[in-house]
Amino acid sequence: RYATGVPRAIPEICQALVHALGPVFTAQERRIAE
């Protein structure tokens, strides 16, 4: 309906995704495969 703040560009979002998800992926890799 509304949003305040400047949206991020895709490369910046992907940098943050890999930064945040890397530890989760490493810890849960076996479970993900299962």
Full PDB file with SEQRES, HELIX, SHEET, SSBOND, CRYST1, ORIGX, SCALE, CONECT and MASTER records, all heavy atoms in Angstrom:
SEQRES   1 A   34  ARG TYR ALA THR GLY VAL PRO ARG ALA ILE PRO GLU ILE          
SEQRES   2 A   34  CYS GLN ALA LEU VAL HIS ALA LEU GLY PRO VAL PHE THR          
SEQRES   3 A   34  ALA GLN GLU ARG ARG ILE ALA GLU                              
HELIX    1 AA1 ILE A   10  ALA A   33  1                                  24    
CRYST1    1.000    1.000    1.000  90.00  90.00  90.00 P 1           1          
ORIGX1      1.000000  0.000000  0.000000        0.00000                         
ORIGX2      0.000000  1.000000  0.000000        0.00000                         
ORIGX3      0.000000  0.000000  1.000000        0.00000                         
SCALE1      1.000000  0.000000  0.000000        0.00000                         
SCALE2      0.000000  1.000000  0.000000        0.00000                         
SCALE3      0.000000  0.000000  1.000000        0.00000                         
ATOM      1  N   ARG A   1       0.849  -1.193   0.000  1.00  0.00           N  
ATOM      2  CA  ARG A   1       0.000   0.000   0.000  1.00  0.00           C  
ATOM      3  C   ARG A   1       0.881   1.238   0.000  1.00  0.00           C  
ATOM      4  O   ARG A   1       0.589   2.226  -0.642  1.00  0.00           O  
ATOM      5  CB  ARG A   1      -0.920  -0.024   1.224  1.00  0.00           C  
ATOM      6  CG  ARG A   1      -1.891   1.159   1.274  1.00  0.00           C  
ATOM      7  CD  ARG A   1      -2.891   0.976   2.418  1.00  0.00           C  
ATOM      8  NE  ARG A   1      -3.814  -0.121   2.146  1.00  0.00           N  
ATOM      9  CZ  ARG A   1      -4.135  -1.069   3.011  1.00  0.00           C  
ATOM     10  NH1 ARG A   1      -3.596  -1.091   4.208  1.00  0.00           N  
ATOM     11  NH2 ARG A   1      -4.993  -2.018   2.692  1.00  0.00           N  
ATOM     12  N   TYR A   2       1.958   1.163   0.750  1.00  0.00           N  
ATOM     13  CA  TYR A   2       2.971   2.217   0.725  1.00  0.00           C  
ATOM     14  C   TYR A   2       4.278   1.609   1.215  1.00  0.00           C  
ATOM     15  O   TYR A   2       4.308   0.528   1.809  1.00  0.00           O  
ATOM     16  CB  TYR A   2       2.586   3.407   1.620  1.00  0.00           C  
ATOM     17  CG  TYR A   2       2.580   3.095   3.096  1.00  0.00           C  
ATOM     18  CD1 TYR A   2       3.755   3.101   3.840  1.00  0.00           C  
ATOM     19  CD2 TYR A   2       1.388   2.789   3.749  1.00  0.00           C  
ATOM     20  CE1 TYR A   2       3.749   2.799   5.191  1.00  0.00           C  
ATOM     21  CE2 TYR A   2       1.374   2.496   5.101  1.00  0.00           C  
ATOM     22  CZ  TYR A   2       2.563   2.509   5.819  1.00  0.00           C  
ATOM     23  OH  TYR A   2       2.554   2.214   7.153  1.00  0.00           O  
ATOM     24  N   ALA A   3       5.366   2.270   0.943  1.00  0.00           N  
ATOM     25  CA  ALA A   3       6.672   1.850   1.448  1.00  0.00           C  
ATOM     26  C   ALA A   3       7.550   3.079   1.553  1.00  0.00           C  
ATOM     27  O   ALA A   3       7.499   3.962   0.697  1.00  0.00           O  
ATOM     28  CB  ALA A   3       7.308   0.825   0.513  1.00  0.00           C  
ATOM     29  N   THR A   4       8.326   3.143   2.623  1.00  0.00           N  
ATOM     30  CA  THR A   4       9.293   4.215   2.774  1.00  0.00           C  
ATOM     31  C   THR A   4      10.678   3.607   2.853  1.00  0.00           C  
ATOM     32  O   THR A   4      10.871   2.517   3.375  1.00  0.00           O  
ATOM     33  CB  THR A   4       9.020   5.040   4.047  1.00  0.00           C  
ATOM     34  OG1 THR A   4       9.109   4.170   5.182  1.00  0.00           O  
ATOM     35  CG2 THR A   4       7.654   5.687   3.996  1.00  0.00           C  
ATOM     36  N   GLY A   5      11.632   4.325   2.316  1.00  0.00           N  
ATOM     37  CA  GLY A   5      12.977   3.784   2.197  1.00  0.00           C  
ATOM     38  C   GLY A   5      13.260   3.506   0.741  1.00  0.00           C  
ATOM     39  O   GLY A   5      12.347   3.295  -0.056  1.00  0.00           O  
ATOM     40  N   VAL A   6      14.520   3.512   0.370  1.00  0.00           N  
ATOM     41  CA  VAL A   6      14.903   3.312  -1.027  1.00  0.00           C  
ATOM     42  C   VAL A   6      15.162   1.827  -1.269  1.00  0.00           C  
ATOM     43  O   VAL A   6      15.982   1.226  -0.581  1.00  0.00           O  
ATOM     44  CB  VAL A   6      16.171   4.125  -1.364  1.00  0.00           C  
ATOM     45  CG1 VAL A   6      16.557   3.921  -2.822  1.00  0.00           C  
ATOM     46  CG2 VAL A   6      15.946   5.596  -1.066  1.00  0.00           C  
ATOM     47  N   PRO A   7      14.462   1.201  -2.224  1.00  0.00           N  
ATOM     48  CA  PRO A   7      14.684  -0.220  -2.492  1.00  0.00           C  
ATOM     49  C   PRO A   7      16.129  -0.486  -2.929  1.00  0.00           C  
ATOM     50  O   PRO A   7      16.793   0.372  -3.501  1.00  0.00           O  
ATOM     51  CB  PRO A   7      13.702  -0.526  -3.628  1.00  0.00           C  
ATOM     52  CG  PRO A   7      12.680   0.558  -3.559  1.00  0.00           C  
ATOM     53  CD  PRO A   7      13.408   1.767  -3.070  1.00  0.00           C  
ATOM     54  N   ARG A   8      16.604  -1.686  -2.661  1.00  0.00           N  
ATOM     55  CA  ARG A   8      17.955  -2.074  -3.043  1.00  0.00           C  
ATOM     56  C   ARG A   8      17.958  -2.665  -4.455  1.00  0.00           C  
ATOM     57  O   ARG A   8      16.977  -3.209  -4.918  1.00  0.00           O  
ATOM     58  CB  ARG A   8      18.477  -3.136  -2.088  1.00  0.00           C  
ATOM     59  CG  ARG A   8      18.246  -2.840  -0.613  1.00  0.00           C  
ATOM     60  CD  ARG A   8      19.367  -2.098   0.014  1.00  0.00           C  
ATOM     61  NE  ARG A   8      19.159  -2.002   1.470  1.00  0.00           N  
ATOM     62  CZ  ARG A   8      20.042  -1.474   2.307  1.00  0.00           C  
ATOM     63  NH1 ARG A   8      21.169  -0.994   1.864  1.00  0.00           N  
ATOM     64  NH2 ARG A   8      19.777  -1.419   3.603  1.00  0.00           N  
ATOM     65  N   ALA A   9      19.109  -2.597  -5.102  1.00  0.00           N  
ATOM     66  CA  ALA A   9      19.291  -3.245  -6.397  1.00  0.00           C  
ATOM     67  C   ALA A   9      19.575  -4.734  -6.182  1.00  0.00           C  
ATOM     68  O   ALA A   9      19.999  -5.156  -5.099  1.00  0.00           O  
ATOM     69  CB  ALA A   9      20.444  -2.597  -7.160  1.00  0.00           C  
ATOM     70  N   ILE A  10      19.367  -5.550  -7.213  1.00  0.00           N  
ATOM     71  CA  ILE A  10      19.525  -6.996  -7.086  1.00  0.00           C  
ATOM     72  C   ILE A  10      20.925  -7.404  -6.609  1.00  0.00           C  
ATOM     73  O   ILE A  10      21.042  -8.251  -5.716  1.00  0.00           O  
ATOM     74  CB  ILE A  10      19.178  -7.692  -8.417  1.00  0.00           C  
ATOM     75  CG1 ILE A  10      17.671  -7.661  -8.639  1.00  0.00           C  
ATOM     76  CG2 ILE A  10      19.659  -9.144  -8.412  1.00  0.00           C  
ATOM     77  CD1 ILE A  10      17.237  -8.285  -9.927  1.00  0.00           C  
ATOM     78  N   PRO A  11      22.021  -6.872  -7.173  1.00  0.00           N  
ATOM     79  CA  PRO A  11      23.341  -7.315  -6.689  1.00  0.00           C  
ATOM     80  C   PRO A  11      23.531  -7.098  -5.195  1.00  0.00           C  
ATOM     81  O   PRO A  11      24.077  -7.972  -4.504  1.00  0.00           O  
ATOM     82  CB  PRO A  11      24.309  -6.457  -7.517  1.00  0.00           C  
ATOM     83  CG  PRO A  11      23.571  -6.158  -8.772  1.00  0.00           C  
ATOM     84  CD  PRO A  11      22.147  -5.966  -8.333  1.00  0.00           C  
ATOM     85  N   GLU A  12      23.056  -5.980  -4.673  1.00  0.00           N  
ATOM     86  CA  GLU A  12      23.206  -5.690  -3.253  1.00  0.00           C  
ATOM     87  C   GLU A  12      22.390  -6.679  -2.404  1.00  0.00           C  
ATOM     88  O   GLU A  12      22.851  -7.165  -1.365  1.00  0.00           O  
ATOM     89  CB  GLU A  12      22.770  -4.257  -2.965  1.00  0.00           C  
ATOM     90  CG  GLU A  12      23.125  -3.771  -1.575  1.00  0.00           C  
ATOM     91  CD  GLU A  12      22.730  -2.320  -1.341  1.00  0.00           C  
ATOM     92  OE1 GLU A  12      22.074  -1.720  -2.224  1.00  0.00           O  
ATOM     93  OE2 GLU A  12      23.067  -1.803  -0.263  1.00  0.00           O  
ATOM     94  N   ILE A  13      21.178  -6.990  -2.850  1.00  0.00           N  
ATOM     95  CA  ILE A  13      20.353  -7.966  -2.154  1.00  0.00           C  
ATOM     96  C   ILE A  13      21.032  -9.336  -2.154  1.00  0.00           C  
ATOM     97  O   ILE A  13      21.055 -10.051  -1.141  1.00  0.00           O  
ATOM     98  CB  ILE A  13      18.956  -8.059  -2.802  1.00  0.00           C  
ATOM     99  CG1 ILE A  13      18.137  -6.801  -2.506  1.00  0.00           C  
ATOM    100  CG2 ILE A  13      18.211  -9.305  -2.344  1.00  0.00           C  
ATOM    101  CD1 ILE A  13      17.713  -6.654  -1.056  1.00  0.00           C  
ATOM    102  N   CYS A  14      21.601  -9.736  -3.300  1.00  0.00           N  
ATOM    103  CA  CYS A  14      22.249 -11.042  -3.387  1.00  0.00           C  
ATOM    104  C   CYS A  14      23.503 -11.104  -2.516  1.00  0.00           C  
ATOM    105  O   CYS A  14      23.811 -12.157  -1.949  1.00  0.00           O  
ATOM    106  CB  CYS A  14      22.572 -11.374  -4.842  1.00  0.00           C  
ATOM    107  SG  CYS A  14      21.096 -11.806  -5.809  1.00  0.00           S  
ATOM    108  N   GLN A  15      24.236 -10.008  -2.408  1.00  0.00           N  
ATOM    109  CA  GLN A  15      25.372  -9.979  -1.485  1.00  0.00           C  
ATOM    110  C   GLN A  15      24.909 -10.266  -0.061  1.00  0.00           C  
ATOM    111  O   GLN A  15      25.543 -11.027   0.674  1.00  0.00           O  
ATOM    112  CB  GLN A  15      26.057  -8.607  -1.542  1.00  0.00           C  
ATOM    113  CG  GLN A  15      26.896  -8.378  -2.787  1.00  0.00           C  
ATOM    114  CD  GLN A  15      27.547  -7.005  -2.780  1.00  0.00           C  
ATOM    115  OE1 GLN A  15      26.860  -5.984  -2.906  1.00  0.00           O  
ATOM    116  NE2 GLN A  15      28.861  -6.974  -2.623  1.00  0.00           N  
ATOM    117  N   ALA A  16      23.798  -9.656   0.331  1.00  0.00           N  
ATOM    118  CA  ALA A  16      23.275  -9.857   1.680  1.00  0.00           C  
ATOM    119  C   ALA A  16      22.702 -11.264   1.855  1.00  0.00           C  
ATOM    120  O   ALA A  16      22.837 -11.865   2.927  1.00  0.00           O  
ATOM    121  CB  ALA A  16      22.202  -8.810   1.982  1.00  0.00           C  
ATOM    122  N   LEU A  17      22.058 -11.810   0.807  1.00  0.00           N  
ATOM    123  CA  LEU A  17      21.532 -13.162   0.891  1.00  0.00           C  
ATOM    124  C   LEU A  17      22.644 -14.174   1.157  1.00  0.00           C  
ATOM    125  O   LEU A  17      22.530 -15.029   2.041  1.00  0.00           O  
ATOM    126  CB  LEU A  17      20.797 -13.521  -0.405  1.00  0.00           C  
ATOM    127  CG  LEU A  17      19.336 -13.094  -0.530  1.00  0.00           C  
ATOM    128  CD1 LEU A  17      18.842 -13.270  -1.960  1.00  0.00           C  
ATOM    129  CD2 LEU A  17      18.459 -13.884   0.430  1.00  0.00           C  
ATOM    130  N   VAL A  18      23.720 -14.083   0.382  1.00  0.00           N  
ATOM    131  CA  VAL A  18      24.814 -15.040   0.558  1.00  0.00           C  
ATOM    132  C   VAL A  18      25.475 -14.847   1.928  1.00  0.00           C  
ATOM    133  O   VAL A  18      25.836 -15.815   2.603  1.00  0.00           O  
ATOM    134  CB  VAL A  18      25.844 -14.904  -0.585  1.00  0.00           C  
ATOM    135  CG1 VAL A  18      27.027 -15.838  -0.353  1.00  0.00           C  
ATOM    136  CG2 VAL A  18      25.190 -15.224  -1.925  1.00  0.00           C  
ATOM    137  N   HIS A  19      25.616 -13.593   2.346  1.00  0.00           N  
ATOM    138  CA  HIS A  19      26.201 -13.303   3.657  1.00  0.00           C  
ATOM    139  C   HIS A  19      25.356 -13.911   4.778  1.00  0.00           C  
ATOM    140  O   HIS A  19      25.881 -14.525   5.717  1.00  0.00           O  
ATOM    141  CB  HIS A  19      26.319 -11.790   3.842  1.00  0.00           C  
ATOM    142  CG  HIS A  19      26.875 -11.375   5.165  1.00  0.00           C  
ATOM    143  ND1 HIS A  19      26.073 -11.069   6.242  1.00  0.00           N  
ATOM    144  CD2 HIS A  19      28.154 -11.222   5.595  1.00  0.00           C  
ATOM    145  CE1 HIS A  19      26.833 -10.743   7.272  1.00  0.00           C  
ATOM    146  NE2 HIS A  19      28.091 -10.828   6.911  1.00  0.00           N  
ATOM    147  N   ALA A  20      24.035 -13.761   4.704  1.00  0.00           N  
ATOM    148  CA  ALA A  20      23.147 -14.235   5.765  1.00  0.00           C  
ATOM    149  C   ALA A  20      22.893 -15.735   5.696  1.00  0.00           C  
ATOM    150  O   ALA A  20      22.771 -16.399   6.726  1.00  0.00           O  
ATOM    151  CB  ALA A  20      21.824 -13.479   5.709  1.00  0.00           C  
ATOM    152  N   LEU A  21      22.792 -16.275   4.476  1.00  0.00           N  
ATOM    153  CA  LEU A  21      22.393 -17.669   4.318  1.00  0.00           C  
ATOM    154  C   LEU A  21      23.554 -18.647   4.325  1.00  0.00           C  
ATOM    155  O   LEU A  21      23.351 -19.851   4.525  1.00  0.00           O  
ATOM    156  CB  LEU A  21      21.598 -17.851   3.024  1.00  0.00           C  
ATOM    157  CG  LEU A  21      20.301 -17.043   2.884  1.00  0.00           C  
ATOM    158  CD1 LEU A  21      19.570 -17.433   1.620  1.00  0.00           C  
ATOM    159  CD2 LEU A  21      19.413 -17.229   4.092  1.00  0.00           C  
ATOM    160  N   GLY A  22      24.781 -18.161   4.109  1.00  0.00           N  
ATOM    161  CA  GLY A  22      25.935 -19.052   4.065  1.00  0.00           C  
ATOM    162  C   GLY A  22      26.045 -19.936   5.301  1.00  0.00           C  
ATOM    163  O   GLY A  22      26.144 -21.176   5.182  1.00  0.00           O  
ATOM    164  N   PRO A  23      26.008 -19.374   6.514  1.00  0.00           N  
ATOM    165  CA  PRO A  23      26.101 -20.208   7.709  1.00  0.00           C  
ATOM    166  C   PRO A  23      24.935 -21.187   7.855  1.00  0.00           C  
ATOM    167  O   PRO A  23      25.117 -22.325   8.298  1.00  0.00           O  
ATOM    168  CB  PRO A  23      26.100 -19.177   8.851  1.00  0.00           C  
ATOM    169  CG  PRO A  23      26.594 -17.916   8.226  1.00  0.00           C  
ATOM    170  CD  PRO A  23      26.052 -17.933   6.835  1.00  0.00           C  
ATOM    171  N   VAL A  24      23.740 -20.752   7.473  1.00  0.00           N  
ATOM    172  CA  VAL A  24      22.571 -21.630   7.546  1.00  0.00           C  
ATOM    173  C   VAL A  24      22.733 -22.798   6.580  1.00  0.00           C  
ATOM    174  O   VAL A  24      22.480 -23.956   6.923  1.00  0.00           O  
ATOM    175  CB  VAL A  24      21.276 -20.848   7.224  1.00  0.00           C  
ATOM    176  CG1 VAL A  24      20.064 -21.777   7.224  1.00  0.00           C  
ATOM    177  CG2 VAL A  24      21.087 -19.712   8.202  1.00  0.00           C  
ATOM    178  N   PHE A  25      23.174 -22.492   5.369  1.00  0.00           N  
ATOM    179  CA  PHE A  25      23.360 -23.541   4.361  1.00  0.00           C  
ATOM    180  C   PHE A  25      24.396 -24.553   4.832  1.00  0.00           C  
ATOM    181  O   PHE A  25      24.194 -25.767   4.719  1.00  0.00           O  
ATOM    182  CB  PHE A  25      23.779 -22.913   3.031  1.00  0.00           C  
ATOM    183  CG  PHE A  25      23.986 -23.926   1.942  1.00  0.00           C  
ATOM    184  CD1 PHE A  25      22.913 -24.427   1.224  1.00  0.00           C  
ATOM    185  CD2 PHE A  25      25.257 -24.407   1.650  1.00  0.00           C  
ATOM    186  CE1 PHE A  25      23.095 -25.373   0.233  1.00  0.00           C  
ATOM    187  CE2 PHE A  25      25.457 -25.355   0.663  1.00  0.00           C  
ATOM    188  CZ  PHE A  25      24.368 -25.845  -0.055  1.00  0.00           C  
ATOM    189  N   THR A  26      25.520 -24.077   5.355  1.00  0.00           N  
ATOM    190  CA  THR A  26      26.569 -24.975   5.823  1.00  0.00           C  
ATOM    191  C   THR A  26      26.061 -25.880   6.939  1.00  0.00           C  
ATOM    192  O   THR A  26      26.322 -27.089   6.954  1.00  0.00           O  
ATOM    193  CB  THR A  26      27.781 -24.163   6.314  1.00  0.00           C  
ATOM    194  OG1 THR A  26      28.283 -23.368   5.232  1.00  0.00           O  
ATOM    195  CG2 THR A  26      28.887 -25.073   6.825  1.00  0.00           C  
ATOM    196  N   ALA A  27      25.299 -25.305   7.873  1.00  0.00           N  
ATOM    197  CA  ALA A  27      24.802 -26.079   9.016  1.00  0.00           C  
ATOM    198  C   ALA A  27      23.710 -27.067   8.617  1.00  0.00           C  
ATOM    199  O   ALA A  27      23.576 -28.132   9.239  1.00  0.00           O  
ATOM    200  CB  ALA A  27      24.279 -25.123  10.090  1.00  0.00           C  
ATOM    201  N   GLN A  28      22.931 -26.738   7.573  1.00  0.00           N  
ATOM    202  CA  GLN A  28      21.744 -27.535   7.239  1.00  0.00           C  
ATOM    203  C   GLN A  28      21.876 -28.261   5.902  1.00  0.00           C  
ATOM    204  O   GLN A  28      20.885 -28.804   5.400  1.00  0.00           O  
ATOM    205  CB  GLN A  28      20.506 -26.623   7.192  1.00  0.00           C  
ATOM    206  CG  GLN A  28      20.199 -25.902   8.481  1.00  0.00           C  
ATOM    207  CD  GLN A  28      19.730 -26.837   9.576  1.00  0.00           C  
ATOM    208  OE1 GLN A  28      19.412 -27.999   9.335  1.00  0.00           O  
ATOM    209  NE2 GLN A  28      19.673 -26.327  10.806  1.00  0.00           N  
ATOM    210  N   GLU A  29      23.075 -28.316   5.333  1.00  0.00           N  
ATOM    211  CA  GLU A  29      23.239 -28.876   3.984  1.00  0.00           C  
ATOM    212  C   GLU A  29      22.725 -30.314   3.893  1.00  0.00           C  
ATOM    213  O   GLU A  29      22.017 -30.683   2.947  1.00  0.00           O  
ATOM    214  CB  GLU A  29      24.713 -28.819   3.580  1.00  0.00           C  
ATOM    215  CG  GLU A  29      24.969 -29.244   2.145  1.00  0.00           C  
ATOM    216  CD  GLU A  29      26.422 -29.048   1.745  1.00  0.00           C  
ATOM    217  OE1 GLU A  29      27.252 -28.751   2.636  1.00  0.00           O  
ATOM    218  OE2 GLU A  29      26.726 -29.187   0.557  1.00  0.00           O  
ATOM    219  N   ARG A  30      23.064 -31.135   4.877  1.00  0.00           N  
ATOM    220  CA  ARG A  30      22.612 -32.530   4.857  1.00  0.00           C  
ATOM    221  C   ARG A  30      21.086 -32.605   4.944  1.00  0.00           C  
ATOM    222  O   ARG A  30      20.454 -33.364   4.204  1.00  0.00           O  
ATOM    223  CB  ARG A  30      23.250 -33.300   6.016  1.00  0.00           C  
ATOM    224  CG  ARG A  30      22.819 -34.765   6.088  1.00  0.00           C  
ATOM    225  CD  ARG A  30      23.364 -35.425   7.344  1.00  0.00           C  
ATOM    226  NE  ARG A  30      22.889 -36.786   7.469  1.00  0.00           N  
ATOM    227  CZ  ARG A  30      23.527 -37.865   7.039  1.00  0.00           C  
ATOM    228  NH1 ARG A  30      24.702 -37.719   6.440  1.00  0.00           N  
ATOM    229  NH2 ARG A  30      23.015 -39.072   7.194  1.00  0.00           N  
ATOM    230  N   ARG A  31      20.492 -31.810   5.835  1.00  0.00           N  
ATOM    231  CA  ARG A  31      19.039 -31.817   5.976  1.00  0.00           C  
ATOM    232  C   ARG A  31      18.363 -31.360   4.685  1.00  0.00           C  
ATOM    233  O   ARG A  31      17.325 -31.899   4.290  1.00  0.00           O  
ATOM    234  CB  ARG A  31      18.611 -30.916   7.137  1.00  0.00           C  
ATOM    235  CG  ARG A  31      17.133 -31.080   7.525  1.00  0.00           C  
ATOM    236  CD  ARG A  31      16.695 -30.014   8.503  1.00  0.00           C  
ATOM    237  NE  ARG A  31      17.492 -30.020   9.712  1.00  0.00           N  
ATOM    238  CZ  ARG A  31      17.207 -30.726  10.799  1.00  0.00           C  
ATOM    239  NH1 ARG A  31      16.134 -31.493  10.814  1.00  0.00           N  
ATOM    240  NH2 ARG A  31      17.971 -30.656  11.859  1.00  0.00           N  
ATOM    241  N   ILE A  32      18.944 -30.357   4.024  1.00  0.00           N  
ATOM    242  CA  ILE A  32      18.382 -29.873   2.758  1.00  0.00           C  
ATOM    243  C   ILE A  32      18.354 -31.001   1.735  1.00  0.00           C  
ATOM    244  O   ILE A  32      17.355 -31.213   1.034  1.00  0.00           O  
ATOM    245  CB  ILE A  32      19.194 -28.678   2.230  1.00  0.00           C  
ATOM    246  CG1 ILE A  32      19.020 -27.473   3.160  1.00  0.00           C  
ATOM    247  CG2 ILE A  32      18.767 -28.306   0.808  1.00  0.00           C  
ATOM    248  CD1 ILE A  32      20.040 -26.373   2.946  1.00  0.00           C  
ATOM    249  N   ALA A  33      19.463 -31.736   1.634  1.00  0.00           N  
ATOM    250  CA  ALA A  33      19.520 -32.851   0.685  1.00  0.00           C  
ATOM    251  C   ALA A  33      18.498 -33.924   1.040  1.00  0.00           C  
ATOM    252  O   ALA A  33      17.856 -34.512   0.163  1.00  0.00           O  
ATOM    253  CB  ALA A  33      20.928 -33.438   0.652  1.00  0.00           C  
ATOM    254  N   GLU A  34      18.325 -34.185   2.332  1.00  0.00           N  
ATOM    255  CA  GLU A  34      17.343 -35.183   2.772  1.00  0.00           C  
ATOM    256  C   GLU A  34      15.920 -34.755   2.426  1.00  0.00           C  
ATOM    257  O   GLU A  34      15.068 -35.596   2.102  1.00  0.00           O  
ATOM    258  CB  GLU A  34      17.462 -35.404   4.276  1.00  0.00           C  
ATOM    259  CG  GLU A  34      18.720 -36.142   4.697  1.00  0.00           C  
ATOM    260  CD  GLU A  34      18.861 -36.237   6.211  1.00  0.00           C  
ATOM    261  OE1 GLU A  34      18.307 -35.359   6.908  1.00  0.00           O  
ATOM    262  OE2 GLU A  34      19.507 -37.164   6.679  1.00  0.00           O  
TER     263      GLU A  34                                                      
MASTER        0    0    0    1    0    0    0    6  262    1    0    3          
END                                                                             
